[in-house]
Amino acid sequence: MLKNNIEVDVKVKCIESGMTQAQLAEKIKTTSPYVNRIIAGRCRKQDLCTDAGSPWI
């Protein structure tokens, strides 16, 4: 169930699907540290599209 909290939602979906953060990063073509920063809540929303590893730039 999605909670509209990106940190929690990503972590829960990874657990539910049995996917690691590294696998998720590979699947969305970004880096593992970037996925970890999102899940850990250490990335501000305005930074989501400015990370060098982000697939959206």
N, C-alpha and C. Protein backbone atom coordinates (compact mmCIF):
# COMPACT_ATOMS: atom_id res chain seq x y z
N MET A 1 0.84 -1.18 0.00
CA MET A 1 0.00 0.00 0.00
C MET A 1 0.88 1.25 0.00
N LEU A 2 0.65 2.14 -0.93
CA LEU A 2 1.45 3.35 -1.03
C LEU A 2 1.00 4.38 -0.01
N LYS A 3 1.97 5.07 0.56
CA LYS A 3 1.70 6.06 1.61
C LYS A 3 2.00 7.49 1.15
N ASN A 4 2.39 7.67 -0.12
CA ASN A 4 2.78 8.98 -0.64
C ASN A 4 3.98 9.54 0.12
N ASN A 5 4.85 8.67 0.55
CA ASN A 5 6.10 9.04 1.20
C ASN A 5 7.17 8.27 0.43
N ILE A 6 7.89 8.96 -0.43
CA ILE A 6 8.80 8.29 -1.37
C ILE A 6 9.80 7.39 -0.66
N GLU A 7 10.32 7.83 0.48
CA GLU A 7 11.31 7.03 1.19
C GLU A 7 10.73 5.69 1.62
N VAL A 8 9.55 5.73 2.23
CA VAL A 8 8.90 4.52 2.72
C VAL A 8 8.39 3.67 1.56
N ASP A 9 7.76 4.31 0.59
CA ASP A 9 7.18 3.58 -0.53
C ASP A 9 8.23 2.79 -1.32
N VAL A 10 9.38 3.40 -1.59
CA VAL A 10 10.43 2.71 -2.34
C VAL A 10 10.95 1.52 -1.54
N LYS A 11 11.21 1.73 -0.27
CA LYS A 11 11.72 0.65 0.58
C LYS A 11 10.73 -0.50 0.68
N VAL A 12 9.46 -0.19 0.89
CA VAL A 12 8.43 -1.23 1.01
C VAL A 12 8.30 -2.01 -0.29
N LYS A 13 8.29 -1.32 -1.42
CA LYS A 13 8.16 -2.01 -2.72
C LYS A 13 9.38 -2.88 -2.99
N CYS A 14 10.55 -2.45 -2.60
CA CYS A 14 11.75 -3.28 -2.76
C CYS A 14 11.61 -4.56 -1.93
N ILE A 15 11.17 -4.42 -0.71
CA ILE A 15 11.00 -5.58 0.17
C ILE A 15 9.94 -6.52 -0.38
N GLU A 16 8.80 -5.96 -0.79
CA GLU A 16 7.70 -6.78 -1.32
C GLU A 16 8.10 -7.55 -2.56
N SER A 17 8.93 -6.94 -3.40
CA SER A 17 9.32 -7.60 -4.65
C SER A 17 10.60 -8.41 -4.52
N GLY A 18 11.24 -8.35 -3.36
CA GLY A 18 12.48 -9.08 -3.16
C GLY A 18 13.64 -8.47 -3.94
N MET A 19 13.56 -7.17 -4.21
CA MET A 19 14.58 -6.48 -5.00
C MET A 19 15.50 -5.69 -4.07
N THR A 20 16.78 -5.74 -4.34
CA THR A 20 17.73 -4.96 -3.56
C THR A 20 17.80 -3.55 -4.11
N GLN A 21 18.39 -2.66 -3.32
CA GLN A 21 18.57 -1.28 -3.79
C GLN A 21 19.47 -1.26 -5.02
N ALA A 22 20.47 -2.11 -5.06
CA ALA A 22 21.37 -2.18 -6.21
C ALA A 22 20.62 -2.64 -7.46
N GLN A 23 19.74 -3.61 -7.31
CA GLN A 23 18.95 -4.08 -8.45
C GLN A 23 18.01 -2.99 -8.94
N LEU A 24 17.39 -2.26 -8.01
CA LEU A 24 16.52 -1.16 -8.39
C LEU A 24 17.30 -0.10 -9.14
N ALA A 25 18.47 0.25 -8.63
CA ALA A 25 19.30 1.26 -9.28
C ALA A 25 19.65 0.84 -10.70
N GLU A 26 20.03 -0.42 -10.87
CA GLU A 26 20.36 -0.92 -12.21
C GLU A 26 19.14 -0.86 -13.13
N LYS A 27 17.99 -1.23 -12.60
CA LYS A 27 16.77 -1.26 -13.40
C LYS A 27 16.36 0.14 -13.88
N ILE A 28 16.54 1.16 -13.04
CA ILE A 28 16.16 2.52 -13.43
C ILE A 28 17.36 3.32 -13.94
N LYS A 29 18.47 2.64 -14.13
CA LYS A 29 19.68 3.23 -14.72
C LYS A 29 20.21 4.43 -13.93
N THR A 30 20.41 4.18 -12.64
CA THR A 30 21.02 5.18 -11.77
C THR A 30 22.00 4.45 -10.86
N THR A 31 22.50 5.12 -9.85
CA THR A 31 23.49 4.51 -8.96
C THR A 31 22.86 4.02 -7.66
N SER A 32 23.50 3.03 -7.06
CA SER A 32 23.03 2.52 -5.77
C SER A 32 23.07 3.59 -4.69
N PRO A 33 24.14 4.41 -4.62
CA PRO A 33 24.14 5.45 -3.59
C PRO A 33 22.99 6.45 -3.75
N TYR A 34 22.60 6.72 -4.98
CA TYR A 34 21.48 7.65 -5.21
C TYR A 34 20.19 7.06 -4.67
N VAL A 35 19.94 5.78 -4.95
CA VAL A 35 18.73 5.11 -4.44
C VAL A 35 18.78 5.11 -2.91
N ASN A 36 19.94 4.84 -2.35
CA ASN A 36 20.07 4.83 -0.90
C ASN A 36 19.76 6.19 -0.30
N ARG A 37 20.22 7.28 -0.94
CA ARG A 37 19.93 8.62 -0.43
C ARG A 37 18.43 8.91 -0.45
N ILE A 38 17.74 8.43 -1.48
CA ILE A 38 16.29 8.63 -1.56
C ILE A 38 15.61 7.89 -0.42
N ILE A 39 15.97 6.61 -0.24
CA ILE A 39 15.34 5.78 0.79
C ILE A 39 15.66 6.31 2.19
N ALA A 40 16.88 6.78 2.39
CA ALA A 40 17.29 7.26 3.71
C ALA A 40 16.76 8.66 3.99
N GLY A 41 16.18 9.32 2.99
CA GLY A 41 15.64 10.65 3.19
C GLY A 41 16.69 11.74 3.24
N ARG A 42 17.87 11.45 2.70
CA ARG A 42 18.95 12.44 2.73
C ARG A 42 19.01 13.26 1.44
N CYS A 43 18.00 13.13 0.60
CA CYS A 43 17.99 13.86 -0.66
C CYS A 43 16.77 14.77 -0.67
N ARG A 44 17.01 16.06 -0.81
CA ARG A 44 15.90 17.01 -0.85
C ARG A 44 15.15 16.88 -2.17
N LYS A 45 13.86 17.18 -2.15
CA LYS A 45 13.03 17.05 -3.35
C LYS A 45 13.57 17.85 -4.51
N GLN A 46 14.10 19.05 -4.26
CA GLN A 46 14.61 19.85 -5.36
C GLN A 46 15.88 19.25 -5.96
N ASP A 47 16.52 18.32 -5.25
CA ASP A 47 17.74 17.68 -5.75
C ASP A 47 17.44 16.43 -6.58
N LEU A 48 16.21 15.96 -6.58
CA LEU A 48 15.91 14.69 -7.23
C LEU A 48 16.27 14.68 -8.70
N CYS A 49 16.21 15.80 -9.37
CA CYS A 49 16.49 15.84 -10.79
C CYS A 49 17.85 16.44 -11.10
N THR A 50 18.69 16.66 -10.09
CA THR A 50 19.98 17.29 -10.34
C THR A 50 21.15 16.38 -10.02
N ASP A 51 20.90 15.18 -9.56
CA ASP A 51 21.96 14.24 -9.23
C ASP A 51 22.57 13.69 -10.52
N ALA A 52 23.88 13.58 -10.56
CA ALA A 52 24.56 13.07 -11.76
C ALA A 52 24.11 11.65 -12.10
N GLY A 53 23.69 10.88 -11.10
CA GLY A 53 23.26 9.53 -11.35
C GLY A 53 21.79 9.40 -11.67
N SER A 54 21.08 10.52 -11.64
CA SER A 54 19.64 10.49 -11.87
C SER A 54 19.32 10.22 -13.33
N PRO A 55 18.36 9.33 -13.57
CA PRO A 55 17.99 9.05 -14.97
C PRO A 55 17.15 10.14 -15.59
N TRP A 56 16.78 11.16 -14.82
CA TRP A 56 15.86 12.19 -15.32
C TRP A 56 16.55 13.45 -15.79
N ILE A 57 17.89 13.44 -15.86
CA ILE A 57 18.56 14.66 -16.36
C ILE A 57 19.08 14.44 -17.74
